[in-house]
Amino acid sequence: MSGTSDRVVIGMDPHKRSSTIEVMAGDETVVGGGRFDTDRDGYTKYAGRWPDRVWAIEGCQGIGRHIANRLLADGEQVVDVPPKLSARARVFATGQGRKTDATDAHSIALVGTRMTGLRPVVNDEQLALLRILVDRRRSLGEDHTRMVSQLHQLLLELIPGGAKKSLSAAQAKALLATVRPRDAVGKARRRVAAELIGDLERIYQRSKEADKELKELVTPPAPR
């Protein structure tokens, strides 16, 4: 990575609650490092001794996203190190591919120091908002699929032949209205099925609202 001779690259191997960093000068001399909690009183206070710094973080779109976003909010420079590049550097640096937090941080710092053209991470609020909403919409879809599967199983046990594959909440409710089990197990099945139908109705409404919100967000920059 190009820069002044005083600039350091801080390679970070991120985890949810801790991170291992290695501070590397432009000549690849290791000048600092350690393991820190992922709060502002941890790694950022330690890094303050190197004013001219850039953070090289592996997985800025995955496990390292929360740390990268926090650093960006604090005005720090961050570049994203692809895992394939850091894995290759680790093999060259150690002679084998064994992973530890320290060797990962070292390989990430090496990539950040040697490589030009690493993608800078930017604070794109619209992209962050879109990612949150897409994740939520995906989660709703997964919940819908799981609940429909459970409902089909219960209806198969309550009604001979069960229900058709594509089943709306309204259709399931109408089917369930025809069932009047007398035994305790049958009554429990019917009650749980009714609860699932209610949950499906709520998920359907939330999915509609999520689709509308996503459409309103995406349409202006990409009308097609």
Protein backbone atom coordinates (compact mmCIF):
# COMPACT_ATOMS: atom_id res chain seq x y z
CA MET A 1 0.00 0.00 0.00
CA SER A 2 1.45 3.35 -1.01
CA GLY A 3 1.87 6.12 1.57
CA THR A 4 4.38 8.18 3.51
CA SER A 5 7.27 6.58 5.33
CA ASP A 6 5.71 7.43 8.70
CA ARG A 7 2.43 5.74 7.92
CA VAL A 8 1.64 2.44 9.58
CA VAL A 9 -0.80 -0.25 8.59
CA ILE A 10 -2.80 -1.82 11.40
CA GLY A 11 -3.78 -5.32 10.34
CA MET A 12 -6.81 -6.61 12.21
CA ASP A 13 -8.18 -10.12 12.59
CA PRO A 14 -11.71 -9.32 13.83
CA HIS A 15 -14.07 -11.33 15.98
CA LYS A 16 -17.35 -10.43 17.64
CA ARG A 17 -16.01 -9.47 21.06
CA SER A 18 -12.27 -9.24 20.53
CA SER A 19 -9.76 -8.46 17.81
CA THR A 20 -6.08 -9.14 17.31
CA ILE A 21 -4.07 -6.39 15.65
CA GLU A 22 -0.54 -5.97 14.35
CA VAL A 23 0.97 -2.57 13.60
CA MET A 24 3.38 -2.61 10.67
CA ALA A 25 5.63 0.16 9.35
CA GLY A 26 6.19 0.74 5.64
CA ASP A 27 9.38 -1.38 5.67
CA GLU A 28 7.34 -4.28 7.16
CA THR A 29 8.82 -3.84 10.62
CA VAL A 30 6.34 -4.86 13.29
CA VAL A 31 6.08 -1.94 15.73
CA GLY A 32 3.12 -3.00 17.87
CA GLY A 33 0.15 -5.27 18.32
CA GLY A 34 -1.96 -7.25 20.73
CA ARG A 35 -5.42 -8.56 21.50
CA PHE A 36 -8.15 -6.11 22.47
CA ASP A 37 -11.83 -5.97 23.26
CA THR A 38 -13.95 -4.55 20.45
CA ASP A 39 -14.81 -1.34 22.26
CA ARG A 40 -13.43 2.16 21.77
CA ASP A 41 -11.34 1.94 24.93
CA GLY A 42 -9.51 -1.01 23.45
CA TYR A 43 -7.78 -0.92 20.08
CA THR A 44 -8.48 2.74 19.14
CA LYS A 45 -6.84 4.13 22.29
CA TYR A 46 -3.82 1.89 21.71
CA ALA A 47 -3.57 2.92 18.05
CA GLY A 48 -3.56 6.61 18.94
CA ARG A 49 0.24 6.54 19.30
CA TRP A 50 0.47 6.27 15.48
CA PRO A 51 -1.36 9.34 14.13
CA ASP A 52 -0.72 8.48 10.48
CA ARG A 53 -2.41 5.12 10.21
CA VAL A 54 -4.70 3.06 8.04
CA TRP A 55 -6.64 0.01 9.20
CA ALA A 56 -6.52 -3.15 7.10
CA ILE A 57 -9.39 -5.42 8.15
CA GLU A 58 -10.31 -8.83 6.83
CA GLY A 59 -14.00 -9.43 6.09
CA CYS A 60 -15.39 -5.89 6.14
CA GLN A 61 -18.59 -7.22 4.58
CA GLY A 62 -18.83 -10.02 7.14
CA ILE A 63 -17.45 -10.57 10.62
CA GLY A 64 -15.43 -7.35 10.47
CA ARG A 65 -18.31 -5.12 9.42
CA HIS A 66 -19.23 -3.88 12.90
CA ILE A 67 -15.64 -2.82 13.66
CA ALA A 68 -15.10 -1.25 10.23
CA ASN A 69 -18.30 0.79 10.58
CA ARG A 70 -17.28 2.00 14.03
CA LEU A 71 -13.85 3.05 12.79
CA LEU A 72 -15.38 4.91 9.84
CA ALA A 73 -17.72 6.74 12.21
CA ASP A 74 -14.62 7.81 14.18
CA GLY A 75 -13.03 9.24 11.03
CA GLU A 76 -10.49 6.44 10.50
CA GLN A 77 -9.19 5.16 7.15
CA VAL A 78 -10.12 1.53 6.50
CA VAL A 79 -9.33 -0.86 3.64
CA ASP A 80 -10.89 -4.26 3.09
CA VAL A 81 -8.50 -7.23 2.84
CA PRO A 82 -9.99 -10.19 0.91
CA PRO A 83 -9.59 -13.47 2.85
CA LYS A 84 -7.90 -15.15 -0.15
CA LEU A 85 -5.11 -12.57 -0.13
CA SER A 86 -4.49 -12.84 3.60
CA ALA A 87 -4.51 -16.66 3.38
CA ARG A 88 -1.90 -16.54 0.61
CA ALA A 89 0.26 -14.12 2.62
CA ARG A 90 -0.02 -16.38 5.67
CA VAL A 91 1.33 -19.37 3.74
CA PHE A 92 4.22 -17.34 2.31
CA ALA A 93 5.07 -15.78 5.69
CA THR A 94 4.89 -18.95 7.80
CA GLY A 95 5.53 -21.72 5.30
CA GLN A 96 2.24 -23.40 6.20
CA GLY A 97 -1.43 -22.52 6.37
CA ARG A 98 -2.02 -22.95 10.09
CA LYS A 99 -4.33 -20.23 11.42
CA THR A 100 -3.95 -18.35 14.69
CA ASP A 101 -5.22 -14.89 15.53
CA ALA A 102 -1.65 -13.57 15.62
CA THR A 103 -0.63 -15.06 12.26
CA ASP A 104 -3.88 -13.84 10.72
CA ALA A 105 -3.27 -10.28 11.94
CA HIS A 106 0.30 -10.46 10.62
CA SER A 107 -0.78 -11.68 7.17
CA ILE A 108 -3.50 -9.01 6.98
CA ALA A 109 -0.96 -6.32 7.88
CA LEU A 110 1.40 -7.67 5.21
CA VAL A 111 -1.31 -7.46 2.56
CA GLY A 112 -2.22 -3.93 3.69
CA THR A 113 1.43 -2.86 3.51
CA ARG A 114 2.37 -4.53 0.22
CA MET A 115 -0.77 -4.34 -1.91
CA THR A 116 -1.97 -1.33 -3.86
CA GLY A 117 -5.58 -1.03 -4.95
CA LEU A 118 -7.22 -2.49 -1.86
CA ARG A 119 -10.83 -1.36 -1.69
CA PRO A 120 -11.35 1.56 0.70
CA VAL A 121 -14.33 1.06 2.96
CA VAL A 122 -16.71 4.02 2.83
CA ASN A 123 -19.57 5.01 5.08
CA ASP A 124 -22.46 4.50 2.67
CA GLU A 125 -25.59 5.05 4.75
CA GLN A 126 -27.98 4.05 1.97
CA LEU A 127 -26.13 0.79 1.39
CA ALA A 128 -26.10 0.07 5.13
CA LEU A 129 -29.84 0.77 5.33
CA LEU A 130 -30.50 -1.44 2.32
CA ARG A 131 -28.49 -4.28 3.85
CA ILE A 132 -30.47 -4.10 7.11
CA LEU A 133 -33.81 -4.15 5.30
CA VAL A 134 -32.78 -6.97 2.94
CA ASP A 135 -31.59 -9.09 5.88
CA ARG A 136 -34.91 -8.46 7.64
CA ARG A 137 -36.90 -9.38 4.53
CA ARG A 138 -34.89 -12.56 4.10
CA SER A 139 -35.49 -13.48 7.73
CA LEU A 140 -39.25 -13.00 7.29
CA GLY A 141 -39.20 -15.28 4.25
CA GLU A 142 -37.33 -17.98 6.17
CA ASP A 143 -39.81 -17.73 9.06
CA HIS A 144 -42.71 -18.02 6.59
CA THR A 145 -41.24 -21.16 4.98
CA ARG A 146 -40.61 -22.81 8.34
CA MET A 147 -44.10 -22.04 9.67
CA VAL A 148 -45.83 -23.23 6.49
CA SER A 149 -43.94 -26.52 6.79
CA GLN A 150 -45.08 -26.94 10.41
CA LEU A 151 -48.65 -26.05 9.48
CA HIS A 152 -48.72 -28.61 6.66
CA GLN A 153 -47.57 -31.31 9.04
CA LEU A 154 -50.28 -30.47 11.56
CA LEU A 155 -52.99 -30.32 8.87
CA LEU A 156 -51.86 -33.71 7.56
CA GLU A 157 -52.40 -35.12 11.05
CA LEU A 158 -55.76 -33.37 11.42
CA ILE A 159 -57.23 -33.83 7.93
CA PRO A 160 -56.99 -36.97 5.77
CA GLY A 161 -54.72 -36.12 2.83
CA GLY A 162 -53.64 -32.85 4.40
CA ALA A 163 -53.70 -29.58 2.44
CA LYS A 164 -52.46 -28.51 -0.98
CA LYS A 165 -48.86 -27.37 -1.27
CA SER A 166 -49.54 -23.69 -1.99
CA LEU A 167 -51.66 -22.70 0.96
CA SER A 168 -52.56 -19.19 2.03
CA ALA A 169 -53.36 -18.27 5.62
CA ALA A 170 -57.01 -17.68 4.67
CA GLN A 171 -57.28 -21.12 3.04
CA ALA A 172 -55.64 -22.77 6.05
CA LYS A 173 -58.06 -20.99 8.36
CA ALA A 174 -61.04 -22.23 6.32
CA LEU A 175 -59.70 -25.79 6.39
CA LEU A 176 -59.10 -25.66 10.12
CA ALA A 177 -62.68 -24.48 10.69
CA THR A 178 -63.89 -27.86 9.38
CA VAL A 179 -61.94 -29.79 12.01
CA ARG A 180 -63.40 -30.53 15.44
CA PRO A 181 -61.12 -33.03 17.22
CA ARG A 182 -62.39 -34.53 20.45
CA ASP A 183 -59.21 -35.98 21.94
CA ALA A 184 -56.64 -33.89 23.81
CA VAL A 185 -53.88 -34.46 21.23
CA GLY A 186 -56.12 -33.43 18.35
CA LYS A 187 -57.25 -30.31 20.21
CA ALA A 188 -53.62 -29.37 20.87
CA ARG A 189 -52.77 -29.84 17.20
CA ARG A 190 -55.70 -27.63 16.18
CA ARG A 191 -54.74 -24.92 18.67
CA VAL A 192 -51.10 -24.84 17.53
CA ALA A 193 -52.20 -24.79 13.90
CA ALA A 194 -54.45 -21.79 14.64
CA GLU A 195 -51.53 -20.02 16.32
CA LEU A 196 -49.34 -20.69 13.29
CA ILE A 197 -51.99 -19.26 10.98
CA GLY A 198 -52.10 -16.11 13.08
CA ASP A 199 -48.31 -15.86 12.95
CA LEU A 200 -48.37 -16.34 9.17
CA GLU A 201 -50.88 -13.52 8.76
CA ARG A 202 -48.63 -11.19 10.73
CA ILE A 203 -45.54 -12.24 8.76
CA TYR A 204 -47.40 -11.71 5.48
CA GLN A 205 -48.30 -8.16 6.53
CA ARG A 206 -44.75 -7.40 7.67
CA SER A 207 -43.38 -8.82 4.41
CA LYS A 208 -45.65 -6.53 2.40
CA GLU A 209 -44.47 -3.54 4.42
CA ALA A 210 -40.83 -4.60 4.01
CA ASP A 211 -41.25 -5.00 0.23
CA LYS A 212 -42.80 -1.54 0.01
CA GLU A 213 -39.98 0.02 2.02
CA LEU A 214 -37.33 -1.70 -0.09
CA LYS A 215 -39.01 -0.59 -3.31
CA GLU A 216 -39.13 3.03 -2.13
CA LEU A 217 -35.45 2.86 -1.22
CA VAL A 218 -34.22 1.16 -4.40
CA THR A 219 -36.38 2.83 -7.07
CA PRO A 220 -34.85 6.36 -7.08
CA PRO A 221 -31.22 5.26 -7.76
CA ALA A 222 -32.21 2.28 -9.95
CA PRO A 223 -35.64 2.91 -11.53
CA ARG A 224 -35.34 -0.05 -13.92
